[in-house]
Amino acid sequence: MKKCYLLLSIPMLMLSCTNDFDESTPKQEEKANVISNKATNSVSINLNNIVTELVTTYKLAYGTNSNNTLSQKIALLEKVSNENVKFAEIKPADFNVPSEDEAKKFIVNYDVEYNRLNTSTKVKTYFNAILEAESNTNLIDLLSVVAADDQLTINEKNLLSFTLNSLNDNNDNGDHHWKRRMIVAATLGFEKSSANAVFNVAIVEIN
């Protein structure tokens, strides 16, 4: 599948290894959009690329129609992520993969969790617009609007951009269930770290 990342005027979705939703200081928020390679201190990483790498490697190693349980899939994906250099760059020291119960929030109970998301009213408005979008063209238009919205924080733009690009990568054409899974997975992930957001979305894609 040909993938076109919809970055537009939004800076590439490059996030720090710190908790991306901690906006306690302006300096931390300013740095939330960029992550440096530990070895060179200069290479930035695109989160959607990492999701693609994890999912592709997982499917090549373990197949696409596995009978593995959710818990087993999490363990196998963790093994894949441990061997991915780019994922290591965004993984904080205290990183933990989600438990099966945590993963079920965005795999099974996404409708309930969507209504519980701890986001600003502005972000929730965009999420609702994503649910109403009927095609990827509408998602592209939303990216443009997000980029120009000065009322959004950098972290909120990162969350929305990552979510929109994740949906675009999968050629979503209006499946509300799929969209809610992605939205909940990304949002709950970013509450911990960008690495958790990447891992959560990858889980959605392999299920």
Protein backbone atom coordinates (compact mmCIF):
# COMPACT_ATOMS: atom_id res chain seq x y z
CA MET A 1 0.00 0.00 0.00
CA LYS A 2 1.38 3.40 -0.88
CA LYS A 3 1.65 5.58 2.21
CA CYS A 4 1.71 9.36 2.14
CA TYR A 5 2.22 11.01 5.49
CA LEU A 6 0.02 14.04 5.78
CA LEU A 7 2.37 16.41 7.50
CA LEU A 8 1.38 19.61 5.68
CA SER A 9 2.44 22.61 7.69
CA ILE A 10 2.52 20.66 10.95
CA PRO A 11 6.08 19.89 11.99
CA MET A 12 6.86 16.20 11.65
CA LEU A 13 5.28 14.30 14.46
CA MET A 14 8.43 14.01 16.51
CA LEU A 15 8.01 13.77 20.20
CA SER A 16 10.18 13.69 23.24
CA CYS A 17 10.63 10.65 25.42
CA THR A 18 8.99 12.48 28.30
CA ASN A 19 5.30 12.23 29.12
CA ASP A 20 3.82 14.08 26.14
CA PHE A 21 0.73 15.30 27.94
CA ASP A 22 2.60 16.88 30.84
CA GLU A 23 2.22 20.56 30.13
CA SER A 24 3.43 21.81 33.48
CA THR A 25 6.17 23.96 31.95
CA PRO A 26 6.34 25.80 28.61
CA LYS A 27 9.84 24.49 27.93
CA GLN A 28 8.71 20.89 28.12
CA GLU A 29 5.84 21.52 25.75
CA GLU A 30 8.12 23.26 23.25
CA LYS A 31 10.37 20.21 23.20
CA ALA A 32 7.49 17.73 22.93
CA ASN A 33 7.56 17.90 19.16
CA VAL A 34 11.17 16.75 18.74
CA ILE A 35 13.17 13.73 19.82
CA SER A 36 16.90 13.33 19.26
CA ASN A 37 18.74 10.13 18.55
CA LYS A 38 20.61 9.07 21.71
CA ALA A 39 23.73 8.23 19.75
CA THR A 40 24.01 11.21 17.41
CA ASN A 41 21.82 13.71 19.28
CA SER A 42 20.54 14.90 15.92
CA VAL A 43 18.22 12.41 14.23
CA SER A 44 14.49 13.01 14.54
CA ILE A 45 11.97 10.18 14.36
CA ASN A 46 8.49 9.99 12.84
CA LEU A 47 6.07 8.10 15.09
CA ASN A 48 3.84 6.82 12.28
CA ASN A 49 6.90 5.29 10.59
CA ILE A 50 7.65 3.38 13.78
CA VAL A 51 4.09 2.02 13.93
CA THR A 52 4.45 0.81 10.35
CA GLU A 53 7.77 -0.88 11.10
CA LEU A 54 6.44 -2.64 14.19
CA VAL A 55 3.29 -3.88 12.46
CA THR A 56 5.13 -4.99 9.33
CA THR A 57 7.75 -6.89 11.31
CA TYR A 58 5.09 -8.48 13.53
CA LYS A 59 3.04 -9.69 10.57
CA LEU A 60 6.09 -11.10 8.80
CA ALA A 61 7.13 -12.98 11.93
CA TYR A 62 3.77 -14.09 13.30
CA GLY A 63 1.26 -13.77 10.47
CA THR A 64 -1.92 -11.76 10.07
CA ASN A 65 -4.55 -14.27 11.14
CA SER A 66 -3.04 -15.57 14.34
CA ASN A 67 -5.16 -17.36 16.91
CA ASN A 68 -3.03 -15.85 19.67
CA THR A 69 -4.83 -14.25 22.58
CA LEU A 70 -4.60 -10.51 23.15
CA SER A 71 -2.10 -11.10 25.95
CA GLN A 72 0.07 -13.21 23.65
CA LYS A 73 -0.08 -10.58 20.90
CA ILE A 74 1.07 -7.92 23.36
CA ALA A 75 4.01 -10.11 24.40
CA LEU A 76 4.99 -10.81 20.79
CA LEU A 77 4.71 -7.14 19.84
CA GLU A 78 6.88 -6.25 22.83
CA LYS A 79 9.51 -8.65 21.50
CA VAL A 80 9.34 -6.95 18.11
CA SER A 81 9.55 -3.49 19.67
CA ASN A 82 12.60 -4.46 21.72
CA GLU A 83 14.44 -5.17 18.48
CA ASN A 84 13.44 -1.89 16.81
CA VAL A 85 16.11 0.81 17.09
CA LYS A 86 13.73 3.68 16.40
CA PHE A 87 11.31 2.53 19.05
CA ALA A 88 14.19 2.40 21.52
CA GLU A 89 14.81 6.10 20.81
CA ILE A 90 11.36 7.14 22.04
CA LYS A 91 10.99 4.63 24.86
CA PRO A 92 11.33 6.19 28.32
CA ALA A 93 13.21 4.38 31.07
CA ASP A 94 10.00 3.53 32.91
CA PHE A 95 8.17 2.25 29.81
CA ASN A 96 5.78 -0.64 30.26
CA VAL A 97 3.61 -2.31 27.64
CA PRO A 98 -0.12 -2.22 28.42
CA SER A 99 -1.61 -5.06 30.37
CA GLU A 100 -4.37 -7.10 28.76
CA ASP A 101 -6.98 -5.16 30.75
CA GLU A 102 -5.49 -1.85 29.63
CA ALA A 103 -5.43 -2.97 26.00
CA LYS A 104 -9.05 -4.08 26.20
CA LYS A 105 -9.99 -0.45 26.82
CA PHE A 106 -9.23 0.35 23.17
CA ILE A 107 -9.73 -3.08 21.62
CA VAL A 108 -13.03 -4.09 23.26
CA ASN A 109 -14.46 -1.28 25.39
CA TYR A 110 -13.57 1.61 23.10
CA ASP A 111 -17.10 3.05 23.02
CA VAL A 112 -17.21 3.49 26.78
CA GLU A 113 -13.62 4.70 26.97
CA TYR A 114 -14.15 7.22 24.17
CA ASN A 115 -16.69 9.02 26.33
CA ARG A 116 -14.27 8.98 29.26
CA LEU A 117 -11.26 10.46 27.45
CA ASN A 118 -9.55 13.20 29.43
CA THR A 119 -9.06 15.76 26.68
CA SER A 120 -9.97 19.38 26.15
CA THR A 121 -13.32 20.26 24.63
CA LYS A 122 -11.45 21.46 21.55
CA VAL A 123 -9.74 18.12 21.01
CA LYS A 124 -12.98 16.22 21.61
CA THR A 125 -14.60 18.38 18.92
CA TYR A 126 -11.92 17.26 16.48
CA PHE A 127 -12.37 13.64 17.50
CA ASN A 128 -16.08 13.91 16.77
CA ALA A 129 -15.25 15.44 13.39
CA ILE A 130 -12.96 12.48 12.67
CA LEU A 131 -15.83 10.11 13.42
CA GLU A 132 -18.04 12.00 11.00
CA ALA A 133 -15.45 12.10 8.21
CA GLU A 134 -16.56 9.89 5.34
CA SER A 135 -13.27 9.55 3.48
CA ASN A 136 -9.53 10.04 3.75
CA THR A 137 -9.95 13.29 1.85
CA ASN A 138 -11.88 14.62 4.81
CA LEU A 139 -9.06 13.52 7.10
CA ILE A 140 -6.57 15.45 4.97
CA ASP A 141 -8.75 18.52 5.29
CA LEU A 142 -8.85 18.07 9.07
CA LEU A 143 -5.05 17.96 9.20
CA SER A 144 -4.94 21.34 7.52
CA VAL A 145 -7.43 22.77 10.00
CA VAL A 146 -5.52 21.32 12.95
CA ALA A 147 -2.28 22.87 11.68
CA ALA A 148 -3.86 26.32 11.56
CA ASP A 149 -5.65 26.12 14.91
CA ASP A 150 -3.80 28.39 17.34
CA GLN A 151 -6.07 27.34 20.21
CA LEU A 152 -4.49 23.87 20.26
CA THR A 153 -1.31 23.17 22.24
CA ILE A 154 1.64 21.52 20.53
CA ASN A 155 0.88 18.30 22.35
CA GLU A 156 -2.75 18.38 21.22
CA LYS A 157 -1.66 18.95 17.62
CA ASN A 158 0.74 16.02 17.92
CA LEU A 159 -2.02 13.77 19.23
CA LEU A 160 -4.48 14.79 16.51
CA SER A 161 -1.87 14.56 13.73
CA PHE A 162 -0.68 11.13 14.87
CA THR A 163 -4.27 9.88 15.05
CA LEU A 164 -5.23 11.28 11.65
CA ASN A 165 -2.12 9.88 9.97
CA SER A 166 -2.70 6.49 11.59
CA LEU A 167 -6.22 6.39 10.18
CA ASN A 168 -5.03 7.55 6.76
CA ASP A 169 -2.35 4.83 6.66
CA ASN A 170 -5.08 2.23 6.99
CA ASN A 171 -7.32 3.72 4.29
CA ASP A 172 -10.19 4.13 6.70
CA ASN A 173 -13.39 4.98 4.87
CA GLY A 174 -15.83 5.73 7.62
CA ASP A 175 -15.69 2.78 10.05
CA HIS A 176 -16.66 4.39 13.36
CA HIS A 177 -15.54 1.36 15.38
CA TRP A 178 -12.07 1.41 13.84
CA LYS A 179 -11.79 5.15 14.35
CA ARG A 180 -12.79 4.95 18.00
CA ARG A 181 -10.25 2.21 18.63
CA MET A 182 -7.52 4.36 17.09
CA ILE A 183 -8.56 7.52 18.94
CA VAL A 184 -8.75 5.80 22.32
CA ALA A 185 -5.50 3.88 21.75
CA ALA A 186 -3.57 7.01 20.77
CA THR A 187 -5.01 9.21 23.52
CA LEU A 188 -4.51 6.72 26.37
CA GLY A 189 -1.01 6.07 25.05
CA PHE A 190 0.00 9.72 24.96
CA GLU A 191 -1.14 10.10 28.56
CA LYS A 192 1.95 8.02 29.38
CA SER A 193 4.43 8.59 26.56
CA SER A 194 4.78 8.74 22.79
CA ALA A 195 6.13 5.18 22.92
CA ASN A 196 2.92 3.99 24.56
CA ALA A 197 0.88 5.72 21.86
CA VAL A 198 2.90 3.97 19.15
CA PHE A 199 2.59 0.59 20.88
CA ASN A 200 -1.16 0.98 21.44
CA VAL A 201 -1.87 1.88 17.82
CA ALA A 202 0.28 -1.03 16.66
CA ILE A 203 -1.83 -3.36 18.83
CA VAL A 204 -4.97 -2.04 17.16
CA GLU A 205 -3.47 -2.70 13.74
CA ILE A 206 -2.48 -6.31 14.45
CA ASN A 207 -5.87 -7.22 15.93
